[in-house]
């Protein structure tokens, strides 16, 4: 194995051991690698929608510092929680926008509804899906990393915003190795699990008896 392959993992391990989080040098900037989130990993559903209604996906809400393009690492030291950016890595767009786009893509692919729109689309909708990101980061666990993704979904009537049901869905996936790419792969896998659970919930839960 070449030195160029060893150094990134070694730098990450040194950062974890010394400060409980990854090193911030070099800072994520113009030379940072750009990463995307996957869409649904499930096979496309039949073309016949399960619900004869249109669902609108509202803007995704993320608290700072999640509401940016930074990929975060969270550490707890002396009861102090710290969220710091993973060096040399950025999401392809701000995380709330990226998640919203993948939610729309996944729900369209599921064919659970006759249509899935985004917040600013001038199309009438029956239901509104609101999303809050509770966690979306890597967390050191000893000498390894684990991806934590958790989101709360609210399903409401679109016209009067009457809440029908809510669900908090989360997933944790350990990184295969102590490297930047492995950590981001674990985040992507955790997010895919959340998408799959969301689809299952909407298929069999709050709208099951509504047609």
C-alpha atoms as a PDB file:
ATOM      1  CA  UNK A   1       0.000   0.000   0.000  1.00  0.00           C
ATOM      2  CA  UNK A   2       1.408   3.419  -0.951  1.00  0.00           C
ATOM      3  CA  UNK A   3       2.075   6.233   1.482  1.00  0.00           C
ATOM      4  CA  UNK A   4      -0.619   8.318  -0.240  1.00  0.00           C
ATOM      5  CA  UNK A   5      -3.229   5.724   0.761  1.00  0.00           C
ATOM      6  CA  UNK A   6      -1.998   5.419   4.339  1.00  0.00           C
ATOM      7  CA  UNK A   7      -1.726   9.106   5.251  1.00  0.00           C
ATOM      8  CA  UNK A   8      -5.467  10.083   5.104  1.00  0.00           C
ATOM      9  CA  UNK A   9      -6.487   7.312   7.506  1.00  0.00           C
ATOM     10  CA  UNK A  10      -3.517   8.020   9.759  1.00  0.00           C
ATOM     11  CA  UNK A  11      -4.363  11.715   9.949  1.00  0.00           C
ATOM     12  CA  UNK A  12      -7.957  10.900  10.803  1.00  0.00           C
ATOM     13  CA  UNK A  13      -6.898   8.498  13.572  1.00  0.00           C
ATOM     14  CA  UNK A  14      -4.499  11.069  15.054  1.00  0.00           C
ATOM     15  CA  UNK A  15      -7.283  13.644  15.121  1.00  0.00           C
ATOM     16  CA  UNK A  16      -9.649  11.216  16.847  1.00  0.00           C
ATOM     17  CA  UNK A  17      -7.113  10.235  19.464  1.00  0.00           C
ATOM     18  CA  UNK A  18      -5.905  13.735  20.304  1.00  0.00           C
ATOM     19  CA  UNK A  19      -9.096  15.761  20.357  1.00  0.00           C
ATOM     20  CA  UNK A  20     -12.053  13.398  20.169  1.00  0.00           C
ATOM     21  CA  UNK A  21     -12.845  14.643  16.664  1.00  0.00           C
ATOM     22  CA  UNK A  22     -11.260  14.773  13.261  1.00  0.00           C
ATOM     23  CA  UNK A  23      -8.519  17.220  12.498  1.00  0.00           C
ATOM     24  CA  UNK A  24      -9.718  20.454  10.940  1.00  0.00           C
ATOM     25  CA  UNK A  25      -6.502  20.896   8.931  1.00  0.00           C
ATOM     26  CA  UNK A  26      -6.596  21.335   6.038  1.00  0.00           C
ATOM     27  CA  UNK A  27      -9.940  23.098   6.293  1.00  0.00           C
ATOM     28  CA  UNK A  28     -12.731  22.186   3.877  1.00  0.00           C
ATOM     29  CA  UNK A  29     -12.513  24.792   1.150  1.00  0.00           C
ATOM     30  CA  UNK A  30     -12.083  25.108  -2.577  1.00  0.00           C
ATOM     31  CA  UNK A  31      -9.999  21.927  -2.760  1.00  0.00           C
ATOM     32  CA  UNK A  32     -12.467  19.861  -0.736  1.00  0.00           C
ATOM     33  CA  UNK A  33     -13.886  16.674  -2.244  1.00  0.00           C
ATOM     34  CA  UNK A  34     -17.606  16.980  -2.984  1.00  0.00           C
ATOM     35  CA  UNK A  35     -19.972  14.170  -2.002  1.00  0.00           C
ATOM     36  CA  UNK A  36     -23.578  13.421  -2.842  1.00  0.00           C
ATOM     37  CA  UNK A  37     -26.281  11.456  -1.053  1.00  0.00           C
ATOM     38  CA  UNK A  38     -27.839   8.426  -2.718  1.00  0.00           C
ATOM     39  CA  UNK A  39     -31.468   8.168  -3.655  1.00  0.00           C
ATOM     40  CA  UNK A  40     -33.569   5.165  -2.814  1.00  0.00           C
ATOM     41  CA  UNK A  41     -31.793   1.826  -3.046  1.00  0.00           C
ATOM     42  CA  UNK A  42     -35.079  -0.061  -3.519  1.00  0.00           C
ATOM     43  CA  UNK A  43     -36.363  -1.331  -6.838  1.00  0.00           C
ATOM     44  CA  UNK A  44     -38.973   0.940  -8.452  1.00  0.00           C
ATOM     45  CA  UNK A  45     -42.534   0.207  -7.326  1.00  0.00           C
ATOM     46  CA  UNK A  46     -45.377  -0.562  -9.753  1.00  0.00           C
ATOM     47  CA  UNK A  47     -46.638   2.432 -11.717  1.00  0.00           C
ATOM     48  CA  UNK A  48     -50.107   2.306 -10.139  1.00  0.00           C
ATOM     49  CA  UNK A  49     -50.102   4.711  -7.155  1.00  0.00           C
ATOM     50  CA  UNK A  50     -51.294   3.357  -3.839  1.00  0.00           C
ATOM     51  CA  UNK A  51     -52.874   6.683  -2.824  1.00  0.00           C
ATOM     52  CA  UNK A  52     -54.836   8.780  -5.299  1.00  0.00           C
ATOM     53  CA  UNK A  53     -53.529  12.004  -3.813  1.00  0.00           C
ATOM     54  CA  UNK A  54     -50.645  14.428  -4.278  1.00  0.00           C
ATOM     55  CA  UNK A  55     -48.004  14.793  -1.565  1.00  0.00           C
ATOM     56  CA  UNK A  56     -46.002  17.989  -1.185  1.00  0.00           C
ATOM     57  CA  UNK A  57     -42.566  17.804   0.429  1.00  0.00           C
ATOM     58  CA  UNK A  58     -41.908  20.913   2.532  1.00  0.00           C
ATOM     59  CA  UNK A  59     -38.496  22.489   3.016  1.00  0.00           C
ATOM     60  CA  UNK A  60     -36.309  20.388   5.282  1.00  0.00           C
ATOM     61  CA  UNK A  61     -35.428  22.005   8.621  1.00  0.00           C
ATOM     62  CA  UNK A  62     -31.910  21.600  10.006  1.00  0.00           C
ATOM     63  CA  UNK A  63     -30.538  23.312  13.064  1.00  0.00           C
ATOM     64  CA  UNK A  64     -27.122  24.923  12.804  1.00  0.00           C
ATOM     65  CA  UNK A  65     -24.499  23.754  12.062  1.00  0.00           C
ATOM     66  CA  UNK A  66     -26.266  21.075   9.959  1.00  0.00           C
ATOM     67  CA  UNK A  67     -27.836  23.698   7.681  1.00  0.00           C
ATOM     68  CA  UNK A  68     -24.775  23.993   5.453  1.00  0.00           C
ATOM     69  CA  UNK A  69     -22.669  21.947   3.045  1.00  0.00           C
ATOM     70  CA  UNK A  70     -20.305  20.846   5.819  1.00  0.00           C
ATOM     71  CA  UNK A  71     -20.029  17.158   6.660  1.00  0.00           C
ATOM     72  CA  UNK A  72     -19.976  17.042  10.433  1.00  0.00           C
ATOM     73  CA  UNK A  73     -18.249  15.005  13.117  1.00  0.00           C
ATOM     74  CA  UNK A  74     -19.722  15.148  16.618  1.00  0.00           C
ATOM     75  CA  UNK A  75     -17.710  14.428  19.714  1.00  0.00           C
ATOM     76  CA  UNK A  76     -18.480  14.566  23.414  1.00  0.00           C
ATOM     77  CA  UNK A  77     -15.648  15.477  25.773  1.00  0.00           C
ATOM     78  CA  UNK A  78     -16.175  16.385  29.422  1.00  0.00           C
ATOM     79  CA  UNK A  79     -19.928  16.530  28.741  1.00  0.00           C
ATOM     80  CA  UNK A  80     -19.329  19.142  26.052  1.00  0.00           C
ATOM     81  CA  UNK A  81     -20.810  18.354  22.634  1.00  0.00           C
ATOM     82  CA  UNK A  82     -18.830  19.632  19.673  1.00  0.00           C
ATOM     83  CA  UNK A  83     -19.863  19.556  16.004  1.00  0.00           C
ATOM     84  CA  UNK A  84     -16.925  20.195  13.716  1.00  0.00           C
ATOM     85  CA  UNK A  85     -16.490  19.925   9.937  1.00  0.00           C
ATOM     86  CA  UNK A  86     -14.783  16.928   8.396  1.00  0.00           C
ATOM     87  CA  UNK A  87     -11.628  18.230   6.750  1.00  0.00           C
ATOM     88  CA  UNK A  88     -11.511  18.285   2.976  1.00  0.00           C
ATOM     89  CA  UNK A  89     -15.122  17.202   2.398  1.00  0.00           C
ATOM     90  CA  UNK A  90     -18.373  18.942   1.498  1.00  0.00           C
ATOM     91  CA  UNK A  91     -21.873  17.903   0.486  1.00  0.00           C
ATOM     92  CA  UNK A  92     -22.768  18.785  -3.102  1.00  0.00           C
ATOM     93  CA  UNK A  93     -25.266  21.377  -1.807  1.00  0.00           C
ATOM     94  CA  UNK A  94     -26.529  22.552   1.604  1.00  0.00           C
ATOM     95  CA  UNK A  95     -27.737  19.507   3.538  1.00  0.00           C
ATOM     96  CA  UNK A  96     -31.411  20.616   3.882  1.00  0.00           C
ATOM     97  CA  UNK A  97     -31.699  21.080   0.101  1.00  0.00           C
ATOM     98  CA  UNK A  98     -29.902  17.822  -0.628  1.00  0.00           C
ATOM     99  CA  UNK A  99     -32.161  15.835   1.705  1.00  0.00           C
ATOM    100  CA  UNK A 100     -35.301  17.475   0.269  1.00  0.00           C
ATOM    101  CA  UNK A 101     -34.291  16.566  -3.283  1.00  0.00           C
ATOM    102  CA  UNK A 102     -33.619  12.947  -2.318  1.00  0.00           C
ATOM    103  CA  UNK A 103     -36.930  12.712  -0.441  1.00  0.00           C
ATOM    104  CA  UNK A 104     -38.810  13.865  -3.528  1.00  0.00           C
ATOM    105  CA  UNK A 105     -36.909  11.454  -5.776  1.00  0.00           C
ATOM    106  CA  UNK A 106     -37.445   8.499  -3.445  1.00  0.00           C
ATOM    107  CA  UNK A 107     -41.159   9.133  -2.948  1.00  0.00           C
ATOM    108  CA  UNK A 108     -41.726   9.615  -6.661  1.00  0.00           C
ATOM    109  CA  UNK A 109     -39.972   6.325  -7.313  1.00  0.00           C
ATOM    110  CA  UNK A 110     -42.151   4.593  -4.717  1.00  0.00           C
ATOM    111  CA  UNK A 111     -45.386   5.460  -6.597  1.00  0.00           C
ATOM    112  CA  UNK A 112     -47.175   5.699  -3.265  1.00  0.00           C
ATOM    113  CA  UNK A 113     -48.916   8.868  -4.456  1.00  0.00           C
ATOM    114  CA  UNK A 114     -50.325  10.048  -7.754  1.00  0.00           C
ATOM    115  CA  UNK A 115     -47.818  12.907  -7.547  1.00  0.00           C
ATOM    116  CA  UNK A 116     -45.015  14.228  -5.342  1.00  0.00           C
ATOM    117  CA  UNK A 117     -44.185  17.918  -5.503  1.00  0.00           C
ATOM    118  CA  UNK A 118     -41.821  20.329  -3.819  1.00  0.00           C
ATOM    119  CA  UNK A 119     -42.744  23.307  -1.719  1.00  0.00           C
ATOM    120  CA  UNK A 120     -42.718  25.957  -4.455  1.00  0.00           C
ATOM    121  CA  UNK A 121     -44.432  23.872  -7.136  1.00  0.00           C
ATOM    122  CA  UNK A 122     -47.763  25.521  -8.135  1.00  0.00           C
ATOM    123  CA  UNK A 123     -49.663  22.237  -7.861  1.00  0.00           C
ATOM    124  CA  UNK A 124     -52.453  21.547  -5.399  1.00  0.00           C
ATOM    125  CA  UNK A 125     -51.613  18.839  -2.893  1.00  0.00           C
ATOM    126  CA  UNK A 126     -53.666  16.840  -0.423  1.00  0.00           C
ATOM    127  CA  UNK A 127     -50.902  16.047   2.048  1.00  0.00           C
ATOM    128  CA  UNK A 128     -47.785  17.816   3.301  1.00  0.00           C
ATOM    129  CA  UNK A 129     -44.647  16.059   4.540  1.00  0.00           C
ATOM    130  CA  UNK A 130     -42.490  18.174   6.875  1.00  0.00           C
ATOM    131  CA  UNK A 131     -39.028  17.006   7.878  1.00  0.00           C
ATOM    132  CA  UNK A 132     -36.716  18.001  10.715  1.00  0.00           C
ATOM    133  CA  UNK A 133     -33.165  16.682  10.829  1.00  0.00           C
ATOM    134  CA  UNK A 134     -32.253  15.735  14.396  1.00  0.00           C
ATOM    135  CA  UNK A 135     -28.815  14.318  13.624  1.00  0.00           C
ATOM    136  CA  UNK A 136     -26.738  13.773  10.516  1.00  0.00           C
ATOM    137  CA  UNK A 137     -23.128  13.288  11.458  1.00  0.00           C
ATOM    138  CA  UNK A 138     -20.251  10.954  12.140  1.00  0.00           C
ATOM    139  CA  UNK A 139     -19.432  10.109  15.744  1.00  0.00           C
ATOM    140  CA  UNK A 140     -16.159   8.673  17.020  1.00  0.00           C
ATOM    141  CA  UNK A 141     -16.546   5.397  18.904  1.00  0.00           C
ATOM    142  CA  UNK A 142     -13.177   4.523  20.381  1.00  0.00           C
ATOM    143  CA  UNK A 143     -10.893   4.193  17.360  1.00  0.00           C
ATOM    144  CA  UNK A 144     -13.658   3.993  14.748  1.00  0.00           C
ATOM    145  CA  UNK A 145     -16.498   6.081  13.352  1.00  0.00           C
ATOM    146  CA  UNK A 146     -20.260   5.542  13.294  1.00  0.00           C
ATOM    147  CA  UNK A 147     -22.800   7.390  11.161  1.00  0.00           C
ATOM    148  CA  UNK A 148     -25.852   8.748  12.997  1.00  0.00           C
ATOM    149  CA  UNK A 149     -28.879   9.872  10.983  1.00  0.00           C
ATOM    150  CA  UNK A 150     -32.233  10.700  12.577  1.00  0.00           C
ATOM    151  CA  UNK A 151     -35.153  12.666  11.167  1.00  0.00           C
ATOM    152  CA  UNK A 152     -38.663  13.479  12.379  1.00  0.00           C
ATOM    153  CA  UNK A 153     -41.437  13.430   9.779  1.00  0.00           C
ATOM    154  CA  UNK A 154     -44.822  15.138  10.159  1.00  0.00           C
ATOM    155  CA  UNK A 155     -47.636  14.191   7.790  1.00  0.00           C
ATOM    156  CA  UNK A 156     -50.386  16.811   7.645  1.00  0.00           C
ATOM    157  CA  UNK A 157     -53.372  17.829   5.593  1.00  0.00           C
ATOM    158  CA  UNK A 158     -51.989  20.370   3.167  1.00  0.00           C
ATOM    159  CA  UNK A 159     -54.943  22.763   3.224  1.00  0.00           C
ATOM    160  CA  UNK A 160     -55.375  23.297   6.954  1.00  0.00           C
ATOM    161  CA  UNK A 161     -52.060  21.820   8.224  1.00  0.00           C
ATOM    162  CA  UNK A 162     -53.957  19.399  10.474  1.00  0.00           C
ATOM    163  CA  UNK A 163     -51.462  16.852  11.743  1.00  0.00           C
ATOM    164  CA  UNK A 164     -52.285  13.267  10.804  1.00  0.00           C
ATOM    165  CA  UNK A 165     -49.308  11.450  12.248  1.00  0.00           C
ATOM    166  CA  UNK A 166     -45.628  11.842  13.026  1.00  0.00           C
ATOM    167  CA  UNK A 167     -42.707   9.460  13.077  1.00  0.00           C
ATOM    168  CA  UNK A 168     -39.056   9.732  14.096  1.00  0.00           C
ATOM    169  CA  UNK A 169     -36.824   7.453  12.048  1.00  0.00           C
ATOM    170  CA  UNK A 170     -33.141   6.887  12.639  1.00  0.00           C
ATOM    171  CA  UNK A 171     -30.275   4.620  11.657  1.00  0.00           C
ATOM    172  CA  UNK A 172     -26.717   4.013  12.802  1.00  0.00           C
ATOM    173  CA  UNK A 173     -24.093   2.479  10.529  1.00  0.00           C
ATOM    174  CA  UNK A 174     -20.462   1.830  11.528  1.00  0.00           C
ATOM    175  CA  UNK A 175     -17.813   2.905   9.052  1.00  0.00           C
ATOM    176  CA  UNK A 176     -15.936   0.008   7.477  1.00  0.00           C
ATOM    177  CA  UNK A 177     -12.577   1.698   8.022  1.00  0.00           C
ATOM    178  CA  UNK A 178     -11.218   4.788   9.700  1.00  0.00           C
ATOM    179  CA  UNK A 179     -11.180   6.949   6.581  1.00  0.00           C
ATOM    180  CA  UNK A 180     -13.073   9.895   5.183  1.00  0.00           C
ATOM    181  CA  UNK A 181     -14.600   7.932   2.315  1.00  0.00           C
ATOM    182  CA  UNK A 182     -15.701   5.086   4.591  1.00  0.00           C
ATOM    183  CA  UNK A 183     -17.333   7.539   6.989  1.00  0.00           C
ATOM    184  CA  UNK A 184     -19.287   9.238   4.221  1.00  0.00           C
ATOM    185  CA  UNK A 185     -20.306   5.857   2.815  1.00  0.00           C
ATOM    186  CA  UNK A 186     -21.682   4.980   6.260  1.00  0.00           C
ATOM    187  CA  UNK A 187     -23.642   8.262   6.326  1.00  0.00           C
ATOM    188  CA  UNK A 188     -25.082   7.473   2.896  1.00  0.00           C
ATOM    189  CA  UNK A 189     -26.091   3.973   4.013  1.00  0.00           C
ATOM    190  CA  UNK A 190     -27.757   5.301   7.161  1.00  0.00           C
ATOM    191  CA  UNK A 191     -29.673   7.843   5.092  1.00  0.00           C
ATOM    192  CA  UNK A 192     -30.793   5.084   2.700  1.00  0.00           C
ATOM    193  CA  UNK A 193     -32.153   3.109   5.671  1.00  0.00           C
ATOM    194  CA  UNK A 194     -34.151   6.150   6.767  1.00  0.00           C
ATOM    195  CA  UNK A 195     -35.578   6.583   3.251  1.00  0.00           C
ATOM    196  CA  UNK A 196     -36.629   2.931   3.149  1.00  0.00           C
ATOM    197  CA  UNK A 197     -38.297   3.141   6.568  1.00  0.00           C
ATOM    198  CA  UNK A 198     -40.093   6.334   5.539  1.00  0.00           C
ATOM    199  CA  UNK A 199     -41.509   4.659   2.471  1.00  0.00           C
ATOM    200  CA  UNK A 200     -42.626   1.656   4.515  1.00  0.00           C
ATOM    201  CA  UNK A 201     -44.308   3.921   7.064  1.00  0.00           C
ATOM    202  CA  UNK A 202     -46.199   5.872   4.428  1.00  0.00           C
ATOM    203  CA  UNK A 203     -47.194   2.665   2.633  1.00  0.00           C
ATOM    204  CA  UNK A 204     -48.663   0.911   5.646  1.00  0.00           C
ATOM    205  CA  UNK A 205     -49.212   3.572   8.279  1.00  0.00           C
ATOM    206  CA  UNK A 206     -51.016   6.922   8.360  1.00  0.00           C
ATOM    207  CA  UNK A 207     -52.648   6.734   4.916  1.00  0.00           C
ATOM    208  CA  UNK A 208     -53.268   2.989   4.782  1.00  0.00           C
ATOM    209  CA  UNK A 209     -57.025   3.334   5.226  1.00  0.00           C
ATOM    210  CA  UNK A 210     -57.418   6.562   3.264  1.00  0.00           C
ATOM    211  CA  UNK A 211     -56.963   5.201  -0.279  1.00  0.00           C
END
